[in-house]
Each structure stands twice: as C-alpha cells, then as structure tokens.
N, C-alpha and C. Protein backbone atom coordinates (compact mmCIF):
# COMPACT_ATOMS: atom_id res chain seq x y z
N MET A 1 -29.83 14.55 43.43
CA MET A 1 -31.02 13.67 43.15
C MET A 1 -31.14 12.84 41.43
N LEU A 2 -31.63 12.12 41.85
CA LEU A 2 -31.75 11.19 40.41
C LEU A 2 -33.28 11.41 39.56
N LYS A 3 -33.29 11.12 38.18
CA LYS A 3 -34.49 11.44 37.78
C LYS A 3 -35.24 10.86 38.21
N LYS A 4 -36.26 10.59 37.17
CA LYS A 4 -37.36 9.55 37.49
C LYS A 4 -36.80 7.81 37.29
N ASP A 5 -36.45 7.89 35.99
CA ASP A 5 -35.18 6.59 35.86
C ASP A 5 -34.93 6.45 36.89
N GLY A 6 -34.13 6.90 37.75
CA GLY A 6 -32.81 6.65 38.83
C GLY A 6 -32.11 6.77 38.50
N ASN A 7 -31.68 6.91 36.98
CA ASN A 7 -30.31 8.26 36.35
C ASN A 7 -29.84 9.42 37.22
N PRO A 8 -28.97 9.64 37.42
CA PRO A 8 -28.58 11.04 38.20
C PRO A 8 -28.88 12.06 37.00
N PHE A 9 -28.90 13.48 37.11
CA PHE A 9 -29.20 14.32 36.22
C PHE A 9 -27.57 14.53 35.27
N THR A 10 -27.61 14.96 34.12
CA THR A 10 -26.45 15.22 33.54
C THR A 10 -25.94 16.55 34.03
N PHE A 11 -24.76 17.30 33.72
CA PHE A 11 -24.77 18.89 33.73
C PHE A 11 -23.46 19.01 32.50
N LEU A 12 -23.68 20.19 32.06
CA LEU A 12 -22.01 20.75 31.62
C LEU A 12 -22.30 22.05 31.92
N ILE A 13 -21.12 22.33 32.45
CA ILE A 13 -20.66 23.77 33.22
C ILE A 13 -19.77 24.52 32.77
N VAL A 14 -20.44 25.84 32.81
CA VAL A 14 -19.70 27.15 31.54
C VAL A 14 -19.80 28.26 32.51
N ASP A 15 -18.14 28.02 32.25
CA ASP A 15 -17.89 29.71 33.20
C ASP A 15 -16.31 29.71 32.41
N ASP A 16 -16.18 31.19 32.32
CA ASP A 16 -14.60 31.42 31.28
C ASP A 16 -13.75 30.99 32.63
N SER A 17 -14.08 30.92 34.18
CA SER A 17 -13.19 31.18 34.96
C SER A 17 -13.10 29.91 35.54
N ARG A 18 -11.70 29.64 35.60
CA ARG A 18 -11.33 28.12 35.89
C ARG A 18 -11.94 27.57 37.34
N PHE A 19 -11.75 28.52 38.33
CA PHE A 19 -12.53 28.87 39.93
C PHE A 19 -13.46 28.45 39.71
N ALA A 20 -14.42 29.41 39.32
CA ALA A 20 -16.13 29.26 38.99
C ALA A 20 -16.22 27.48 38.94
N ARG A 21 -16.08 27.34 37.67
CA ARG A 21 -16.18 25.65 37.07
C ARG A 21 -15.97 24.85 38.01
N SER A 22 -14.63 24.66 38.47
CA SER A 22 -14.40 23.66 39.56
C SER A 22 -15.18 24.06 41.10
N SER A 23 -15.54 25.21 41.27
CA SER A 23 -16.73 25.37 42.45
C SER A 23 -18.06 24.83 42.08
N MET A 24 -18.75 24.80 40.76
CA MET A 24 -19.73 24.42 40.29
C MET A 24 -20.07 22.96 40.22
N VAL A 25 -18.73 22.07 39.56
CA VAL A 25 -18.48 20.77 39.64
C VAL A 25 -18.46 19.97 40.80
N LYS A 26 -18.01 20.84 41.92
CA LYS A 26 -18.06 20.39 43.36
C LYS A 26 -19.76 20.48 43.96
N LEU A 27 -20.15 21.43 43.62
CA LEU A 27 -21.28 21.49 44.20
C LEU A 27 -22.49 20.10 43.43
N VAL A 28 -22.34 20.35 42.46
CA VAL A 28 -23.08 19.42 41.19
C VAL A 28 -22.96 17.86 41.67
N GLU A 29 -21.66 17.67 42.05
CA GLU A 29 -21.61 16.15 42.69
C GLU A 29 -21.76 16.23 44.50
N GLN A 30 -21.60 16.69 44.58
CA GLN A 30 -22.46 17.02 46.17
C GLN A 30 -24.38 16.56 46.36
N LEU A 31 -24.63 17.55 45.38
CA LEU A 31 -25.87 16.87 44.75
C LEU A 31 -26.45 15.89 43.99
N GLY A 32 -25.54 14.94 43.53
CA GLY A 32 -25.44 13.28 43.22
C GLY A 32 -25.47 13.68 41.51
N GLY A 33 -25.49 15.26 41.00
CA GLY A 33 -25.34 15.25 39.42
C GLY A 33 -23.95 14.29 38.95
N ASN A 34 -24.28 14.47 37.53
CA ASN A 34 -22.88 13.75 36.98
C ASN A 34 -22.40 14.93 35.58
N VAL A 35 -21.61 15.30 35.79
CA VAL A 35 -20.97 16.59 35.60
C VAL A 35 -20.35 15.80 33.89
N ILE A 36 -21.30 16.10 32.91
CA ILE A 36 -20.47 15.21 31.47
C ILE A 36 -20.10 15.82 30.79
N GLY A 37 -19.38 17.29 31.00
CA GLY A 37 -18.49 18.11 29.90
C GLY A 37 -18.55 19.87 31.14
N GLU A 38 -17.36 20.66 30.30
CA GLU A 38 -16.94 21.56 31.02
C GLU A 38 -16.38 22.39 30.15
N ALA A 39 -16.54 23.81 29.73
CA ALA A 39 -16.77 24.84 28.91
C ALA A 39 -15.92 25.73 28.95
N ALA A 40 -15.07 26.65 28.15
CA ALA A 40 -15.17 28.25 29.26
C ALA A 40 -15.48 29.17 28.70
N SER A 41 -15.81 28.67 26.66
CA SER A 41 -16.42 29.33 26.03
C SER A 41 -18.07 29.67 25.51
N GLY A 42 -18.71 30.44 25.24
CA GLY A 42 -19.51 29.78 24.63
C GLY A 42 -19.78 29.08 23.11
N ALA A 43 -18.69 29.33 22.91
CA ALA A 43 -18.68 28.55 20.88
C ALA A 43 -18.46 26.97 21.47
N GLU A 44 -17.64 26.68 22.60
CA GLU A 44 -17.09 25.54 23.51
C GLU A 44 -18.75 24.58 24.15
N ALA A 45 -19.26 25.91 24.58
CA ALA A 45 -20.63 25.20 25.27
C ALA A 45 -21.74 24.63 24.51
N LEU A 46 -21.62 25.74 23.28
CA LEU A 46 -22.78 25.45 22.11
C LEU A 46 -22.26 24.04 21.41
N GLN A 47 -20.90 23.91 21.04
CA GLN A 47 -20.11 22.79 20.31
C GLN A 47 -21.17 21.71 21.60
N LEU A 48 -20.22 21.42 23.06
CA LEU A 48 -20.55 20.22 23.61
C LEU A 48 -22.03 20.21 24.24
N HIS A 49 -22.96 21.24 23.92
CA HIS A 49 -24.27 21.10 24.23
C HIS A 49 -25.09 20.35 23.26
N GLU A 50 -24.83 20.55 21.91
CA GLU A 50 -25.37 19.93 21.12
C GLU A 50 -24.62 18.54 21.22
N GLN A 51 -23.41 18.21 21.09
CA GLN A 51 -22.82 17.08 20.98
C GLN A 51 -23.24 15.86 22.26
N LEU A 52 -23.21 16.35 23.80
CA LEU A 52 -23.21 15.80 24.77
C LEU A 52 -24.91 15.71 25.55
N GLN A 53 -25.59 16.74 24.98
CA GLN A 53 -27.16 16.34 24.77
C GLN A 53 -27.36 16.19 26.93
N PRO A 54 -26.91 17.41 27.22
CA PRO A 54 -26.84 17.97 29.21
C PRO A 54 -28.39 17.51 29.45
N ASP A 55 -28.48 17.17 30.58
CA ASP A 55 -29.81 17.30 31.32
C ASP A 55 -30.42 19.10 31.41
N VAL A 56 -28.90 19.37 32.20
CA VAL A 56 -28.75 20.50 32.71
C VAL A 56 -27.37 21.77 32.21
N VAL A 57 -27.28 22.80 32.00
CA VAL A 57 -26.65 24.08 31.39
C VAL A 57 -26.62 24.18 32.75
N THR A 58 -25.44 24.52 33.65
CA THR A 58 -25.37 25.63 34.43
C THR A 58 -24.28 26.79 33.80
N MET A 59 -24.26 28.30 33.60
CA MET A 59 -24.08 28.54 32.65
C MET A 59 -23.56 30.29 32.98
N ASP A 60 -22.56 30.44 32.89
CA ASP A 60 -22.22 32.17 33.39
C ASP A 60 -22.96 33.02 32.26
N LEU A 61 -23.30 33.85 33.09
CA LEU A 61 -24.41 34.61 31.48
C LEU A 61 -22.83 36.09 30.95
N SER A 62 -21.86 35.94 31.50
CA SER A 62 -20.94 36.98 30.99
C SER A 62 -20.01 36.48 30.37
N LEU A 63 -19.75 35.76 29.26
CA LEU A 63 -19.17 34.80 28.39
C LEU A 63 -17.61 35.97 27.35
N PRO A 64 -16.94 35.51 27.52
CA PRO A 64 -16.12 36.64 26.68
C PRO A 64 -16.28 36.63 25.18
N ASP A 65 -16.90 35.56 24.67
CA ASP A 65 -16.69 35.69 23.31
C ASP A 65 -18.37 35.77 22.50
N VAL A 66 -19.50 35.54 23.72
CA VAL A 66 -20.75 35.63 23.60
C VAL A 66 -21.89 36.16 24.57
N ASP A 67 -23.21 36.94 24.08
CA ASP A 67 -23.82 37.30 25.18
C ASP A 67 -25.05 35.83 25.58
N GLY A 68 -24.80 35.81 26.97
CA GLY A 68 -25.34 34.89 27.45
C GLY A 68 -26.69 34.81 27.09
N ILE A 69 -27.52 35.58 27.05
CA ILE A 69 -29.11 35.58 26.57
C ILE A 69 -29.17 34.93 24.86
N ILE A 70 -27.90 35.19 23.84
CA ILE A 70 -27.86 34.66 23.07
C ILE A 70 -27.57 33.18 23.21
N LEU A 71 -26.67 33.09 23.49
CA LEU A 71 -26.24 31.68 23.79
C LEU A 71 -27.60 30.83 24.59
N VAL A 72 -28.40 31.42 25.06
CA VAL A 72 -29.13 30.70 25.65
C VAL A 72 -30.83 30.49 24.76
N ARG A 73 -30.79 30.69 24.06
CA ARG A 73 -31.78 30.65 22.84
C ARG A 73 -31.07 29.62 21.92
N LYS A 74 -29.52 30.05 21.80
CA LYS A 74 -28.63 28.83 20.44
C LYS A 74 -29.64 28.02 21.11
N MET A 75 -29.38 27.59 22.19
CA MET A 75 -29.16 26.36 22.92
C MET A 75 -30.97 26.14 23.29
N MET A 76 -31.39 26.25 23.27
CA MET A 76 -32.82 26.05 23.08
C MET A 76 -33.44 25.93 21.98
N SER A 77 -33.00 26.31 21.12
CA SER A 77 -32.97 26.15 19.41
C SER A 77 -32.68 24.81 19.24
N VAL A 78 -31.91 23.93 20.10
CA VAL A 78 -31.09 22.94 19.78
C VAL A 78 -31.90 21.83 20.66
N ASN A 79 -32.18 22.16 21.94
CA ASN A 79 -32.79 21.15 22.34
C ASN A 79 -33.54 21.66 23.30
N PRO A 80 -34.58 22.11 23.50
CA PRO A 80 -35.76 22.96 24.15
C PRO A 80 -35.84 22.23 25.33
N ASN A 81 -35.82 20.77 26.18
CA ASN A 81 -35.71 20.36 26.97
C ASN A 81 -34.26 20.44 28.40
N THR A 82 -33.63 21.68 27.39
CA THR A 82 -32.82 21.47 28.35
C THR A 82 -32.82 22.94 29.32
N LEU A 83 -32.48 22.18 30.96
CA LEU A 83 -33.00 23.12 32.19
C LEU A 83 -31.30 24.01 31.97
N ILE A 84 -31.79 25.29 31.89
CA ILE A 84 -30.66 26.27 32.25
C ILE A 84 -30.72 27.00 33.10
N ILE A 85 -29.40 26.95 34.00
CA ILE A 85 -29.72 27.69 34.96
C ILE A 85 -28.06 28.75 34.80
N LEU A 86 -28.38 29.84 34.87
CA LEU A 86 -27.73 31.11 34.55
C LEU A 86 -26.97 31.35 36.02
N SER A 87 -25.64 32.23 36.36
CA SER A 87 -25.02 32.64 36.89
C SER A 87 -24.65 33.76 36.31
N SER A 88 -24.21 35.05 37.52
CA SER A 88 -23.50 35.96 37.11
C SER A 88 -23.26 36.98 38.50
N GLY A 89 -22.33 37.89 38.78
CA GLY A 89 -22.18 38.61 39.48
C GLY A 89 -22.57 40.44 39.01
N ILE A 90 -23.83 39.93 37.92
CA ILE A 90 -24.45 41.18 37.34
C ILE A 90 -25.57 40.80 37.70
N SER A 91 -26.15 41.61 38.58
CA SER A 91 -27.61 40.79 38.86
C SER A 91 -28.64 41.89 38.78
N HIS A 92 -28.44 42.29 37.25
CA HIS A 92 -29.65 43.74 36.45
C HIS A 92 -30.79 43.17 36.74
N GLU A 93 -32.27 43.44 36.90
CA GLU A 93 -33.38 42.65 36.83
C GLU A 93 -33.70 42.38 35.19
N GLU A 94 -33.55 43.47 34.74
CA GLU A 94 -34.03 43.37 32.79
C GLU A 94 -33.23 41.76 32.36
N VAL A 95 -32.10 42.66 32.63
CA VAL A 95 -31.28 41.10 31.97
C VAL A 95 -32.05 39.61 32.94
N ILE A 96 -31.92 39.55 33.63
CA ILE A 96 -32.52 38.08 34.59
C ILE A 96 -33.36 37.42 33.80
N GLU A 97 -34.50 38.90 33.67
CA GLU A 97 -35.74 38.70 33.40
C GLU A 97 -35.69 38.57 31.58
N GLU A 98 -34.93 39.13 30.87
CA GLU A 98 -34.78 38.68 29.60
C GLU A 98 -34.48 37.35 29.31
N ALA A 99 -33.68 36.97 30.28
CA ALA A 99 -32.95 35.51 30.22
C ALA A 99 -34.13 34.09 30.28
N LEU A 100 -34.79 34.99 31.63
CA LEU A 100 -36.13 33.85 31.68
C LEU A 100 -36.58 33.81 30.36
N ARG A 101 -37.41 34.59 30.00
CA ARG A 101 -37.52 34.86 28.69
C ARG A 101 -37.12 34.21 27.74
N ALA A 102 -36.19 34.26 27.75
CA ALA A 102 -35.31 33.19 26.39
C ALA A 102 -34.86 32.22 26.73
N GLY A 103 -35.47 30.74 27.51
CA GLY A 103 -35.49 29.94 28.53
C GLY A 103 -35.06 29.25 29.34
N ALA A 104 -34.13 30.25 30.24
CA ALA A 104 -33.41 30.06 30.72
C ALA A 104 -34.77 29.77 32.66
N GLU A 105 -33.86 28.62 33.43
CA GLU A 105 -34.87 28.59 34.05
C GLU A 105 -34.84 28.81 35.62
N HIS A 106 -33.34 29.46 36.13
CA HIS A 106 -33.44 30.02 37.18
C HIS A 106 -32.21 31.13 36.72
N PHE A 107 -31.42 31.76 38.16
CA PHE A 107 -30.49 32.01 38.22
C PHE A 107 -29.96 32.65 39.61
N ILE A 108 -28.33 32.00 39.58
CA ILE A 108 -27.93 32.11 40.95
C ILE A 108 -26.72 33.52 40.71
N SER A 109 -27.01 34.54 41.86
CA SER A 109 -25.75 35.11 42.27
C SER A 109 -24.26 34.86 42.32
N LYS A 110 -23.57 35.60 41.90
CA LYS A 110 -22.07 35.50 41.82
C LYS A 110 -21.80 36.33 42.50
N PRO A 111 -20.78 36.47 43.84
CA PRO A 111 -19.87 35.22 43.95
C PRO A 111 -20.92 34.29 44.77
N LEU A 112 -20.55 33.11 44.38
CA LEU A 112 -21.39 31.91 44.73
C LEU A 112 -21.63 31.84 46.07
N ASP A 113 -22.87 31.50 46.83
CA ASP A 113 -23.18 31.53 48.04
C ASP A 113 -23.24 29.61 47.59
N ILE A 114 -22.63 29.00 48.16
CA ILE A 114 -23.20 27.22 48.39
C ILE A 114 -24.29 26.85 48.63
N GLU A 115 -25.14 27.47 49.56
CA GLU A 115 -25.89 26.80 50.52
C GLU A 115 -27.24 27.71 49.38
N LYS A 116 -27.52 28.94 49.19
CA LYS A 116 -28.23 29.19 48.36
C LYS A 116 -28.37 28.76 46.94
N ALA A 117 -27.26 28.45 46.32
CA ALA A 117 -26.83 27.50 44.99
C ALA A 117 -27.76 26.17 44.80
N LYS A 118 -27.00 25.41 46.46
CA LYS A 118 -27.87 24.07 45.83
C LYS A 118 -29.26 24.15 46.26
N LYS A 119 -29.76 25.12 46.54
CA LYS A 119 -31.53 25.31 46.86
C LYS A 119 -31.64 25.35 45.47
N ILE A 120 -31.50 26.39 44.76
CA ILE A 120 -31.63 26.53 43.72
C ILE A 120 -31.70 25.81 42.40
N ILE A 121 -30.74 24.95 42.62
CA ILE A 121 -30.69 23.53 41.65
C ILE A 121 -31.41 22.39 41.90
N GLU A 122 -31.70 22.41 43.23
CA GLU A 122 -32.68 21.17 43.37
C GLU A 122 -34.13 21.87 43.24
N TRP A 123 -33.86 23.08 43.64
CA TRP A 123 -35.58 23.30 43.34
C TRP A 123 -35.63 22.95 41.81
N VAL A 124 -34.86 23.62 40.53
CA VAL A 124 -34.77 23.53 39.37
C VAL A 124 -35.32 21.88 38.91
N LEU A 125 -34.17 21.13 39.33
CA LEU A 125 -34.60 19.68 39.10
C LEU A 125 -35.74 19.49 39.43
N ARG A 126 -36.23 19.44 40.56
CA ARG A 126 -37.51 18.92 41.22
C ARG A 126 -38.68 19.41 40.85
N VAL A 127 -38.17 20.52 39.93
CA VAL A 127 -40.06 21.35 39.57
C VAL A 127 -39.76 20.74 37.79
N SER A 128 -39.09 20.39 37.15
CA SER A 128 -38.50 19.81 35.91
C SER A 128 -39.82 18.24 35.92
N ASN A 129 -39.42 17.91 36.55
CA ASN A 129 -40.55 16.85 36.70
C ASN A 129 -40.20 15.31 35.78
N ARG A 130 -38.73 15.19 36.10
CA ARG A 130 -38.33 14.35 34.87
C ARG A 130 -37.63 13.12 35.89
C-alpha cells in the first residue's frame, strides 16, 4: 500500500527474535512497505525511531530491556504520528487495552497468522488516511 503522496509506508520492525523480525520484514515487503530499520531491543528501537522517523513501527510487546507499553508512550512522545502495531504471544485483554490507550493502533497475536497480520496492517494503513 502506498501513502497518498505515492510513496510506500516506511517501517521499523522491533522484535528480540531474529526469526520474528524476518517474518515481519517479508510480510511488510509483500504489502509494498519499505523496511528502513530493524531493532532487537527497546533501547535500539527508541534510537532508530527517533533517527529514522518511520511511518509505522511493528513491535513485540515483550522486549528484554523495556516494557512494551512504556516504549509505546516514549515513541508517541517523540512522534505522535507514528502508527504502532504491537505483537505478542501474550494476549491478556487488559494489557492490550492499556497498549491501545498508550497510543498503539492495533495488536497482532503470535504465533503470526500471516493472512490475519496482513489484514491488520492493511487496515491500519488504510484508516491512517495518509
């Protein structure tokens, strides 16, 4: 999917699992997105988010060095226009609701169902109206 200006959406992929990152990179590229960075930790994600200013961040909620909800809040304070899509194998409703209140757009359950994940990402990009 392309933005209204005709350019592809830019993505930062954040997950401490190399396999999960590569799966998400492939999925984003299939959708026509441009992956401009990958991070394996919260600290690295925050630095790359500030430096690269991606349109979209896909992020594992459970990172080894920081709580995902805190990271969402920090990213939103740097750039409130960032679209954040969380993923996690833990799908506690309270945690998901808190993440959405913090500024995340949507949530993808792990293990990744590729078709469902594609639909969620496409929906987020479409409703972003960019």
